[in-house]
Amino acid sequence: MDLRIITTPALIGIDTRPAKIEIDSQLPKVEMKQQKAQLDIDTELPRVYIDQYECFAQLGYKNSLDVAWEQAQKAYERVMGYIAETAREGDRLAAIELGGNPVVDIAEEKSYWQPAPEPFMLPLPRPRFKVVGGISIQYQPGKIHFNAIIHPVRFNVTPHKVEIYMRQYPDISIEYTGNSIDRRV
């Protein structure tokens, strides 16, 4: 038999495009302002003042103004005491009705008079102390101000794409190439 069979196979075409990502971004900016800290230290050498006047005054070492004031006070007290004593003696002399000899009694009392001792007081007063000077510290903390500028990120995405198509369709072609045809069937 003279048959010729021609077949054309099916061919599939595949077209692929890979995914693509395009990113456009800028680095963020940070603006920073700084205020410096400030420290001020002032020093003054310490000085100690000691006032011992009260201690020395009680021991008898006084300035002239205090001595004059003290003597005036003593004189005033003595004058007032003398006036009071003279008034009492006058009252005794005036009271004749009580009897006795008041002139003799007064003379006898005055003949044995002794001055009263001035008391000495212990403990002495403490001296007064005054301290000036020292350290003065002024501190002002610094400050930092931040301002962040963030730029948006822009991106473009092309997704992965696969296209499948028929590049060649299948085909069968049968052809009789002989001269005689048997038609007996």
N, C-alpha and C. Protein backbone atom coordinates (compact mmCIF):
# COMPACT_ATOMS: atom_id res chain seq x y z
N MET A 1 0.81 -1.13 0.00
CA MET A 1 0.00 0.00 0.00
C MET A 1 0.88 1.22 0.00
N ASP A 2 0.41 2.06 -0.75
CA ASP A 2 1.24 3.26 -0.90
C ASP A 2 0.57 4.44 -0.20
N LEU A 3 0.71 4.47 1.06
CA LEU A 3 0.15 5.58 1.83
C LEU A 3 1.30 6.39 2.42
N ARG A 4 1.11 7.62 2.38
CA ARG A 4 2.14 8.48 3.00
C ARG A 4 1.41 9.26 4.13
N ILE A 5 1.93 9.11 5.32
CA ILE A 5 1.33 9.78 6.48
C ILE A 5 2.36 10.82 6.98
N ILE A 6 1.93 12.02 7.00
CA ILE A 6 2.80 13.12 7.47
C ILE A 6 2.16 13.69 8.75
N THR A 7 2.92 13.69 9.79
CA THR A 7 2.42 14.24 11.07
C THR A 7 3.21 15.49 11.42
N THR A 8 2.50 16.43 11.94
CA THR A 8 3.15 17.65 12.43
C THR A 8 2.89 17.69 13.95
N PRO A 9 3.95 17.62 14.71
CA PRO A 9 3.72 17.60 16.16
C PRO A 9 3.24 18.98 16.67
N ALA A 10 2.58 18.93 17.79
CA ALA A 10 2.14 20.18 18.44
C ALA A 10 3.33 20.79 19.18
N LEU A 11 3.50 22.06 19.01
CA LEU A 11 4.58 22.77 19.71
C LEU A 11 3.95 23.87 20.60
N ILE A 12 4.39 23.86 21.81
CA ILE A 12 3.90 24.87 22.78
C ILE A 12 4.98 25.92 22.93
N GLY A 13 4.56 27.15 22.88
CA GLY A 13 5.50 28.24 23.12
C GLY A 13 5.29 28.82 24.52
N ILE A 14 6.34 29.08 25.24
CA ILE A 14 6.26 29.65 26.60
C ILE A 14 7.05 30.95 26.60
N ASP A 15 6.35 32.01 26.92
CA ASP A 15 7.00 33.33 27.00
C ASP A 15 6.98 33.74 28.47
N THR A 16 8.12 33.95 29.07
CA THR A 16 8.19 34.34 30.50
C THR A 16 8.87 35.69 30.62
N ARG A 17 8.32 36.46 31.51
CA ARG A 17 8.95 37.72 31.87
C ARG A 17 9.15 37.68 33.38
N PRO A 18 10.40 37.82 33.87
CA PRO A 18 10.63 37.74 35.33
C PRO A 18 10.05 38.98 36.03
N ALA A 19 9.78 38.78 37.31
CA ALA A 19 9.26 39.89 38.12
C ALA A 19 10.35 40.95 38.27
N LYS A 20 9.88 42.17 38.37
CA LYS A 20 10.83 43.28 38.49
C LYS A 20 10.33 44.23 39.56
N ILE A 21 11.22 44.63 40.45
CA ILE A 21 10.88 45.63 41.48
C ILE A 21 11.83 46.81 41.33
N GLU A 22 11.27 47.97 41.12
CA GLU A 22 12.05 49.20 41.04
C GLU A 22 11.75 50.02 42.29
N ILE A 23 12.78 50.31 43.06
CA ILE A 23 12.60 51.05 44.33
C ILE A 23 13.33 52.38 44.22
N ASP A 24 12.61 53.43 44.54
CA ASP A 24 13.19 54.78 44.56
C ASP A 24 13.05 55.31 45.98
N SER A 25 14.16 55.47 46.64
CA SER A 25 14.10 55.98 48.02
C SER A 25 15.26 56.94 48.25
N GLN A 26 15.03 57.84 49.18
CA GLN A 26 16.08 58.78 49.60
C GLN A 26 16.38 58.52 51.07
N LEU A 27 17.60 58.75 51.42
CA LEU A 27 17.97 58.56 52.82
C LEU A 27 17.26 59.59 53.70
N PRO A 28 16.83 59.19 54.89
CA PRO A 28 16.18 60.17 55.77
C PRO A 28 17.19 61.20 56.26
N LYS A 29 16.69 62.38 56.56
CA LYS A 29 17.55 63.46 57.07
C LYS A 29 17.22 63.68 58.54
N VAL A 30 18.23 63.93 59.30
CA VAL A 30 18.04 64.26 60.70
C VAL A 30 18.65 65.63 60.94
N GLU A 31 17.78 66.55 61.34
CA GLU A 31 18.26 67.88 61.70
C GLU A 31 18.38 67.91 63.22
N MET A 32 19.53 68.29 63.69
CA MET A 32 19.77 68.27 65.13
C MET A 32 20.34 69.62 65.56
N LYS A 33 19.70 70.19 66.57
CA LYS A 33 20.21 71.42 67.17
C LYS A 33 20.55 71.11 68.61
N GLN A 34 21.71 71.56 69.01
CA GLN A 34 22.17 71.25 70.36
C GLN A 34 22.47 72.54 71.10
N GLN A 35 21.89 72.62 72.29
CA GLN A 35 22.21 73.73 73.18
C GLN A 35 23.15 73.17 74.23
N LYS A 36 24.32 73.74 74.30
CA LYS A 36 25.33 73.19 75.19
C LYS A 36 24.97 73.40 76.66
N ALA A 37 25.40 72.48 77.48
CA ALA A 37 25.20 72.61 78.92
C ALA A 37 26.13 73.71 79.43
N GLN A 38 25.71 74.34 80.51
CA GLN A 38 26.50 75.45 81.05
C GLN A 38 26.74 75.20 82.53
N LEU A 39 27.99 75.30 82.94
CA LEU A 39 28.37 75.10 84.32
C LEU A 39 29.20 76.29 84.76
N ASP A 40 28.69 77.03 85.74
CA ASP A 40 29.40 78.18 86.29
C ASP A 40 29.78 77.87 87.73
N ILE A 41 31.04 77.98 88.03
CA ILE A 41 31.51 77.74 89.39
C ILE A 41 32.22 79.02 89.85
N ASP A 42 31.69 79.62 90.91
CA ASP A 42 32.31 80.79 91.52
C ASP A 42 32.84 80.37 92.88
N THR A 43 34.10 80.69 93.10
CA THR A 43 34.69 80.34 94.39
C THR A 43 35.20 81.62 95.06
N GLU A 44 34.96 81.68 96.32
CA GLU A 44 35.50 82.76 97.14
C GLU A 44 36.16 82.08 98.32
N LEU A 45 37.43 82.39 98.53
CA LEU A 45 38.13 81.74 99.62
C LEU A 45 37.41 82.01 100.93
N PRO A 46 37.23 80.98 101.72
CA PRO A 46 36.50 81.18 102.97
C PRO A 46 37.29 82.03 103.95
N ARG A 47 36.55 82.88 104.66
CA ARG A 47 37.14 83.70 105.71
C ARG A 47 36.33 83.48 106.98
N VAL A 48 37.03 83.32 108.08
CA VAL A 48 36.37 83.08 109.37
C VAL A 48 36.59 84.32 110.23
N TYR A 49 35.47 84.89 110.69
CA TYR A 49 35.54 86.02 111.60
C TYR A 49 35.17 85.51 112.99
N ILE A 50 36.02 85.81 113.97
CA ILE A 50 35.79 85.38 115.35
C ILE A 50 35.63 86.62 116.20
N ASP A 51 34.49 86.74 116.87
CA ASP A 51 34.21 87.87 117.74
C ASP A 51 34.33 87.38 119.19
N GLN A 52 35.41 87.78 119.87
CA GLN A 52 35.64 87.36 121.24
C GLN A 52 35.39 88.51 122.23
N TYR A 53 34.71 89.52 121.78
CA TYR A 53 34.53 90.70 122.62
C TYR A 53 33.78 90.36 123.91
N GLU A 54 32.72 89.54 123.81
CA GLU A 54 31.94 89.19 124.99
C GLU A 54 32.81 88.47 126.02
N CYS A 55 33.67 87.56 125.54
CA CYS A 55 34.55 86.82 126.45
C CYS A 55 35.51 87.77 127.17
N PHE A 56 36.14 88.65 126.39
CA PHE A 56 37.11 89.58 126.99
C PHE A 56 36.41 90.60 127.86
N ALA A 57 35.19 91.03 127.49
CA ALA A 57 34.47 92.02 128.30
C ALA A 57 34.14 91.45 129.67
N GLN A 58 33.79 90.17 129.74
CA GLN A 58 33.47 89.57 131.04
C GLN A 58 34.73 89.44 131.89
N LEU A 59 35.89 89.32 131.26
CA LEU A 59 37.14 89.27 132.01
C LEU A 59 37.63 90.66 132.39
N GLY A 60 37.00 91.70 131.88
CA GLY A 60 37.39 93.06 132.24
C GLY A 60 38.06 93.82 131.13
N TYR A 61 38.28 93.23 130.01
CA TYR A 61 38.90 93.90 128.87
C TYR A 61 37.80 94.47 127.99
N LYS A 62 37.45 95.75 128.23
CA LYS A 62 36.34 96.37 127.52
C LYS A 62 36.84 97.62 126.81
N ASN A 63 36.05 98.04 125.83
CA ASN A 63 36.41 99.30 125.17
C ASN A 63 35.90 100.47 126.02
N SER A 64 36.34 101.66 125.71
CA SER A 64 36.05 102.82 126.56
C SER A 64 34.55 103.14 126.62
N LEU A 65 33.82 102.94 125.55
CA LEU A 65 32.39 103.22 125.54
C LEU A 65 31.65 102.28 126.50
N ASP A 66 32.02 101.00 126.48
CA ASP A 66 31.38 100.04 127.38
C ASP A 66 31.75 100.32 128.84
N VAL A 67 33.00 100.70 129.07
CA VAL A 67 33.42 101.03 130.46
C VAL A 67 32.62 102.23 130.95
N ALA A 68 32.48 103.26 130.12
CA ALA A 68 31.74 104.45 130.53
C ALA A 68 30.27 104.10 130.77
N TRP A 69 29.67 103.29 129.94
CA TRP A 69 28.27 102.88 130.12
C TRP A 69 28.11 102.07 131.41
N GLU A 70 29.04 101.16 131.65
CA GLU A 70 28.96 100.34 132.86
C GLU A 70 29.14 101.19 134.12
N GLN A 71 30.06 102.14 134.10
CA GLN A 71 30.28 103.01 135.27
C GLN A 71 29.07 103.92 135.51
N ALA A 72 28.44 104.37 134.41
CA ALA A 72 27.24 105.19 134.56
C ALA A 72 26.13 104.37 135.20
N GLN A 73 25.98 103.12 134.81
CA GLN A 73 24.96 102.26 135.42
C GLN A 73 25.24 102.05 136.90
N LYS A 74 26.52 101.78 137.23
CA LYS A 74 26.88 101.58 138.64
C LYS A 74 26.64 102.85 139.45
N ALA A 75 27.00 103.99 138.86
CA ALA A 75 26.79 105.26 139.56
C ALA A 75 25.31 105.50 139.79
N TYR A 76 24.50 105.22 138.82
CA TYR A 76 23.04 105.39 138.95
C TYR A 76 22.51 104.48 140.06
N GLU A 77 22.96 103.23 140.05
CA GLU A 77 22.50 102.30 141.09
C GLU A 77 22.94 102.76 142.48
N ARG A 78 24.17 103.27 142.58
CA ARG A 78 24.66 103.73 143.89
C ARG A 78 23.90 104.97 144.37
N VAL A 79 23.65 105.87 143.43
CA VAL A 79 22.91 107.08 143.82
C VAL A 79 21.52 106.70 144.29
N MET A 80 20.85 105.83 143.52
CA MET A 80 19.50 105.41 143.91
C MET A 80 19.54 104.65 145.23
N GLY A 81 20.58 103.80 145.41
CA GLY A 81 20.72 103.08 146.68
C GLY A 81 20.97 104.04 147.85
N TYR A 82 21.78 105.07 147.62
CA TYR A 82 22.08 106.05 148.68
C TYR A 82 20.82 106.84 149.05
N ILE A 83 20.05 107.20 148.00
CA ILE A 83 18.81 107.93 148.28
C ILE A 83 17.85 107.06 149.09
N ALA A 84 17.74 105.79 148.72
CA ALA A 84 16.85 104.88 149.45
C ALA A 84 17.33 104.69 150.88
N GLU A 85 18.64 104.54 151.06
CA GLU A 85 19.20 104.34 152.42
C GLU A 85 19.02 105.60 153.27
N THR A 86 19.22 106.75 152.66
CA THR A 86 19.03 108.01 153.39
C THR A 86 17.57 108.17 153.77
N ALA A 87 16.64 107.78 152.90
CA ALA A 87 15.22 107.88 153.22
C ALA A 87 14.87 106.93 154.37
N ARG A 88 15.43 105.73 154.38
CA ARG A 88 15.17 104.79 155.50
C ARG A 88 15.73 105.34 156.82
N GLU A 89 16.97 105.91 156.74
CA GLU A 89 17.56 106.48 157.97
C GLU A 89 16.72 107.65 158.47
N GLY A 90 16.22 108.45 157.53
CA GLY A 90 15.36 109.57 157.93
C GLY A 90 14.08 109.08 158.57
N ASP A 91 13.52 108.00 158.03
CA ASP A 91 12.31 107.43 158.62
C ASP A 91 12.61 106.89 160.02
N ARG A 92 13.77 106.31 160.23
CA ARG A 92 14.13 105.80 161.57
C ARG A 92 14.32 106.95 162.56
N LEU A 93 14.96 108.04 162.09
CA LEU A 93 15.15 109.18 162.98
C LEU A 93 13.82 109.86 163.30
N ALA A 94 12.89 109.81 162.34
CA ALA A 94 11.60 110.46 162.55
C ALA A 94 10.71 109.66 163.49
N ALA A 95 10.95 108.38 163.61
CA ALA A 95 10.09 107.53 164.45
C ALA A 95 10.61 107.57 165.88
N ILE A 96 10.40 108.66 166.58
CA ILE A 96 10.86 108.83 167.95
C ILE A 96 10.04 107.95 168.89
N GLU A 97 8.78 107.70 168.49
CA GLU A 97 7.89 106.95 169.35
C GLU A 97 8.34 105.52 169.56
N LEU A 98 9.25 105.01 168.69
CA LEU A 98 9.71 103.64 168.84
C LEU A 98 10.79 103.53 169.92
N GLY A 99 11.35 104.58 170.25
CA GLY A 99 12.36 104.60 171.30
C GLY A 99 13.72 104.17 170.77
N GLY A 100 14.65 104.00 171.63
CA GLY A 100 15.99 103.59 171.26
C GLY A 100 16.82 104.79 170.86
N ASN A 101 18.02 104.54 170.42
CA ASN A 101 18.94 105.58 170.00
C ASN A 101 19.28 105.35 168.54
N PRO A 102 18.48 105.88 167.59
CA PRO A 102 18.71 105.60 166.18
C PRO A 102 20.01 106.19 165.66
N VAL A 103 20.51 107.28 166.16
CA VAL A 103 21.75 107.91 165.67
C VAL A 103 22.92 106.99 165.94
N VAL A 104 22.96 106.41 167.12
CA VAL A 104 24.07 105.51 167.48
C VAL A 104 23.98 104.24 166.63
N ASP A 105 22.79 103.74 166.45
CA ASP A 105 22.63 102.50 165.67
C ASP A 105 23.05 102.72 164.21
N ILE A 106 22.70 103.86 163.66
CA ILE A 106 23.06 104.14 162.26
C ILE A 106 24.57 104.32 162.14
N ALA A 107 25.21 105.01 163.08
CA ALA A 107 26.65 105.23 163.05
C ALA A 107 27.38 103.90 163.17
N GLU A 108 26.88 103.01 164.03
CA GLU A 108 27.52 101.71 164.20
C GLU A 108 27.41 100.88 162.91
N GLU A 109 26.25 100.90 162.25
CA GLU A 109 26.06 100.14 161.00
C GLU A 109 26.98 100.65 159.90
N LYS A 110 27.20 101.97 159.87
CA LYS A 110 28.04 102.54 158.80
C LYS A 110 29.52 102.35 159.07
N SER A 111 29.92 102.14 160.29
CA SER A 111 31.34 102.02 160.59
C SER A 111 31.91 100.68 160.14
N TYR A 112 31.08 99.63 160.01
CA TYR A 112 31.57 98.31 159.58
C TYR A 112 31.16 97.96 158.15
N TRP A 113 30.95 98.94 157.35
CA TRP A 113 30.50 98.70 155.97
C TRP A 113 31.63 98.15 155.12
N GLN A 114 31.37 97.11 154.35
CA GLN A 114 32.32 96.54 153.40
C GLN A 114 31.64 96.49 152.04
N PRO A 115 32.36 96.84 151.01
CA PRO A 115 31.73 96.78 149.68
C PRO A 115 31.46 95.32 149.28
N ALA A 116 30.37 95.15 148.63
CA ALA A 116 30.01 93.79 148.18
C ALA A 116 30.89 93.39 147.00
N PRO A 117 31.43 92.20 147.04
CA PRO A 117 32.30 91.77 145.93
C PRO A 117 31.45 91.58 144.65
N GLU A 118 32.08 91.91 143.52
CA GLU A 118 31.41 91.72 142.23
C GLU A 118 31.55 90.26 141.82
N PRO A 119 30.47 89.68 141.45
CA PRO A 119 30.53 88.25 141.11
C PRO A 119 31.27 88.02 139.79
N PHE A 120 31.99 86.95 139.73
CA PHE A 120 32.67 86.52 138.51
C PHE A 120 31.94 85.28 138.00
N MET A 121 31.40 85.39 136.79
CA MET A 121 30.55 84.34 136.29
C MET A 121 31.32 83.41 135.35
N LEU A 122 31.20 82.15 135.61
CA LEU A 122 31.75 81.14 134.72
C LEU A 122 30.60 80.24 134.28
N PRO A 123 30.56 79.69 133.21
CA PRO A 123 31.52 79.78 132.12
C PRO A 123 31.35 81.07 131.33
N LEU A 124 32.43 81.45 130.72
CA LEU A 124 32.41 82.65 129.88
C LEU A 124 31.55 82.39 128.64
N PRO A 125 30.97 83.44 128.09
CA PRO A 125 30.20 83.22 126.87
C PRO A 125 31.10 82.77 125.73
N ARG A 126 30.53 82.04 124.84
CA ARG A 126 31.30 81.54 123.70
C ARG A 126 31.59 82.66 122.71
N PRO A 127 32.72 82.56 122.04
CA PRO A 127 32.98 83.54 120.98
C PRO A 127 32.00 83.32 119.82
N ARG A 128 31.75 84.35 119.06
CA ARG A 128 30.86 84.26 117.91
C ARG A 128 31.70 84.05 116.66
N PHE A 129 31.24 83.11 115.86
CA PHE A 129 31.94 82.79 114.62
C PHE A 129 31.06 83.17 113.44
N LYS A 130 31.70 83.70 112.42
CA LYS A 130 31.00 84.02 111.18
C LYS A 130 31.92 83.60 110.04
N VAL A 131 31.39 82.76 109.16
CA VAL A 131 32.17 82.26 108.03
C VAL A 131 31.56 82.83 106.75
N VAL A 132 32.39 83.45 105.94
CA VAL A 132 31.93 83.96 104.64
C VAL A 132 32.79 83.32 103.56
N GLY A 133 32.22 83.29 102.36
CA GLY A 133 32.94 82.70 101.24
C GLY A 133 32.41 81.31 100.98
N GLY A 134 33.00 80.63 100.04
CA GLY A 134 32.57 79.28 99.70
C GLY A 134 32.48 79.10 98.19
N ILE A 135 31.68 78.13 97.81
CA ILE A 135 31.55 77.78 96.39
C ILE A 135 30.10 77.94 95.98
N SER A 136 29.90 78.57 94.84
CA SER A 136 28.56 78.69 94.27
C SER A 136 28.58 77.99 92.91
N ILE A 137 27.70 76.99 92.75
CA ILE A 137 27.66 76.22 91.51
C ILE A 137 26.31 76.45 90.84
N GLN A 138 26.35 76.89 89.60
CA GLN A 138 25.14 77.08 88.80
C GLN A 138 25.25 76.14 87.60
N TYR A 139 24.27 75.26 87.44
CA TYR A 139 24.29 74.30 86.35
C TYR A 139 23.02 74.41 85.54
N GLN A 140 23.17 74.53 84.26
CA GLN A 140 22.03 74.57 83.35
C GLN A 140 22.24 73.45 82.34
N PRO A 141 21.37 72.43 82.36
CA PRO A 141 21.59 71.29 81.46
C PRO A 141 21.40 71.68 80.00
N GLY A 142 22.09 70.98 79.14
CA GLY A 142 21.96 71.22 77.71
C GLY A 142 20.71 70.55 77.17
N LYS A 143 20.35 70.94 75.97
CA LYS A 143 19.16 70.37 75.33
C LYS A 143 19.52 69.98 73.91
N ILE A 144 18.88 68.92 73.45
CA ILE A 144 19.08 68.48 72.07
C ILE A 144 17.70 68.39 71.43
N HIS A 145 17.56 69.03 70.28
CA HIS A 145 16.30 69.00 69.54
C HIS A 145 16.54 68.22 68.24
N PHE A 146 15.72 67.20 68.03
CA PHE A 146 15.80 66.38 66.84
C PHE A 146 14.60 66.67 65.95
N ASN A 147 14.84 66.67 64.65
CA ASN A 147 13.76 66.73 63.68
C ASN A 147 14.13 65.76 62.57
N ALA A 148 13.39 64.66 62.48
CA ALA A 148 13.67 63.64 61.46
C ALA A 148 12.76 63.88 60.27
N ILE A 149 13.36 63.96 59.09
CA ILE A 149 12.60 64.12 57.85
C ILE A 149 12.70 62.79 57.11
N ILE A 150 11.58 62.12 57.01
CA ILE A 150 11.55 60.80 56.37
C ILE A 150 10.87 60.96 55.02
N HIS A 151 11.57 60.52 53.98
CA HIS A 151 11.01 60.58 52.63
C HIS A 151 10.26 59.27 52.35
N PRO A 152 9.14 59.34 51.62
CA PRO A 152 8.42 58.10 51.33
C PRO A 152 9.20 57.25 50.32
N VAL A 153 9.02 55.95 50.43
CA VAL A 153 9.66 55.02 49.51
C VAL A 153 8.69 54.78 48.35
N ARG A 154 9.16 54.99 47.12
CA ARG A 154 8.33 54.74 45.95
C ARG A 154 8.85 53.48 45.27
N PHE A 155 7.93 52.60 44.97
CA PHE A 155 8.36 51.39 44.28
C PHE A 155 7.35 51.03 43.20
N ASN A 156 7.86 50.35 42.19
CA ASN A 156 7.06 49.90 41.07
C ASN A 156 7.32 48.41 40.92
N VAL A 157 6.24 47.60 41.00
CA VAL A 157 6.38 46.15 40.93
C VAL A 157 5.77 45.67 39.62
N THR A 158 6.56 44.97 38.83
CA THR A 158 6.05 44.28 37.64
C THR A 158 6.01 42.80 38.01
N PRO A 159 4.81 42.21 38.07
CA PRO A 159 4.74 40.82 38.51
C PRO A 159 5.30 39.86 37.46
N HIS A 160 5.64 38.70 37.93
CA HIS A 160 6.14 37.65 37.04
C HIS A 160 5.01 37.24 36.09
N LYS A 161 5.34 37.06 34.82
CA LYS A 161 4.29 36.74 33.84
C LYS A 161 4.76 35.56 32.99
N VAL A 162 3.87 34.59 32.87
CA VAL A 162 4.14 33.42 32.01
C VAL A 162 2.99 33.32 31.02
N GLU A 163 3.31 33.32 29.73
CA GLU A 163 2.31 33.16 28.68
C GLU A 163 2.61 31.86 27.94
N ILE A 164 1.60 31.02 27.88
CA ILE A 164 1.74 29.76 27.15
C ILE A 164 0.82 29.86 25.91
N TYR A 165 1.37 29.54 24.77
CA TYR A 165 0.59 29.63 23.53
C TYR A 165 0.99 28.46 22.62
N MET A 166 0.15 28.23 21.61
CA MET A 166 0.44 27.17 20.65
C MET A 166 1.31 27.75 19.55
N ARG A 167 2.51 27.30 19.55
CA ARG A 167 3.42 27.76 18.50
C ARG A 167 3.15 27.02 17.18
N GLN A 168 2.76 25.75 17.29
CA GLN A 168 2.45 24.95 16.09
C GLN A 168 1.35 23.98 16.48
N TYR A 169 0.28 23.99 15.72
CA TYR A 169 -0.83 23.08 15.98
C TYR A 169 -0.50 21.70 15.40
N PRO A 170 -1.00 20.64 16.02
CA PRO A 170 -0.70 19.31 15.49
C PRO A 170 -1.52 19.05 14.20
N ASP A 171 -0.93 18.27 13.39
CA ASP A 171 -1.61 17.97 12.11
C ASP A 171 -1.19 16.58 11.63
N ILE A 172 -2.16 15.85 11.05
CA ILE A 172 -1.87 14.55 10.42
C ILE A 172 -2.42 14.64 8.99
N SER A 173 -1.58 14.41 8.13
CA SER A 173 -2.02 14.38 6.72
C SER A 173 -1.70 12.99 6.15
N ILE A 174 -2.78 12.32 5.62
CA ILE A 174 -2.65 10.99 5.02
C ILE A 174 -2.89 11.16 3.51
N GLU A 175 -2.00 10.64 2.80
CA GLU A 175 -2.07 10.78 1.33
C GLU A 175 -1.79 9.42 0.67
N TYR A 176 -2.62 9.14 -0.32
CA TYR A 176 -2.40 7.90 -1.11
C TYR A 176 -1.47 8.23 -2.26
N THR A 177 -0.41 7.55 -2.34
CA THR A 177 0.59 7.82 -3.37
C THR A 177 0.63 6.74 -4.48
N GLY A 178 -0.18 5.77 -4.34
CA GLY A 178 -0.17 4.69 -5.33
C GLY A 178 -1.09 5.01 -6.52
N ASN A 179 -1.04 4.08 -7.60
CA ASN A 179 -1.83 4.29 -8.77
C ASN A 179 -3.14 3.48 -8.74
N SER A 180 -3.16 2.44 -8.08
CA SER A 180 -4.34 1.61 -8.13
C SER A 180 -5.06 1.69 -6.78
N ILE A 181 -6.35 1.69 -6.95
CA ILE A 181 -7.17 1.77 -5.75
C ILE A 181 -7.99 0.47 -5.74
N ASP A 182 -7.95 -0.19 -4.72
CA ASP A 182 -8.73 -1.41 -4.55
C ASP A 182 -10.02 -1.00 -3.89
N ARG A 183 -11.06 -1.20 -4.61
CA ARG A 183 -12.33 -0.73 -4.10
C ARG A 183 -13.19 -1.92 -3.65
N ARG A 184 -12.69 -2.92 -3.33
CA ARG A 184 -13.45 -4.10 -2.97
C ARG A 184 -13.93 -4.05 -1.53
N VAL A 185 -13.85 -3.43 -0.95
CA VAL A 185 -14.27 -3.47 0.44
C VAL A 185 -15.71 -3.19 0.56
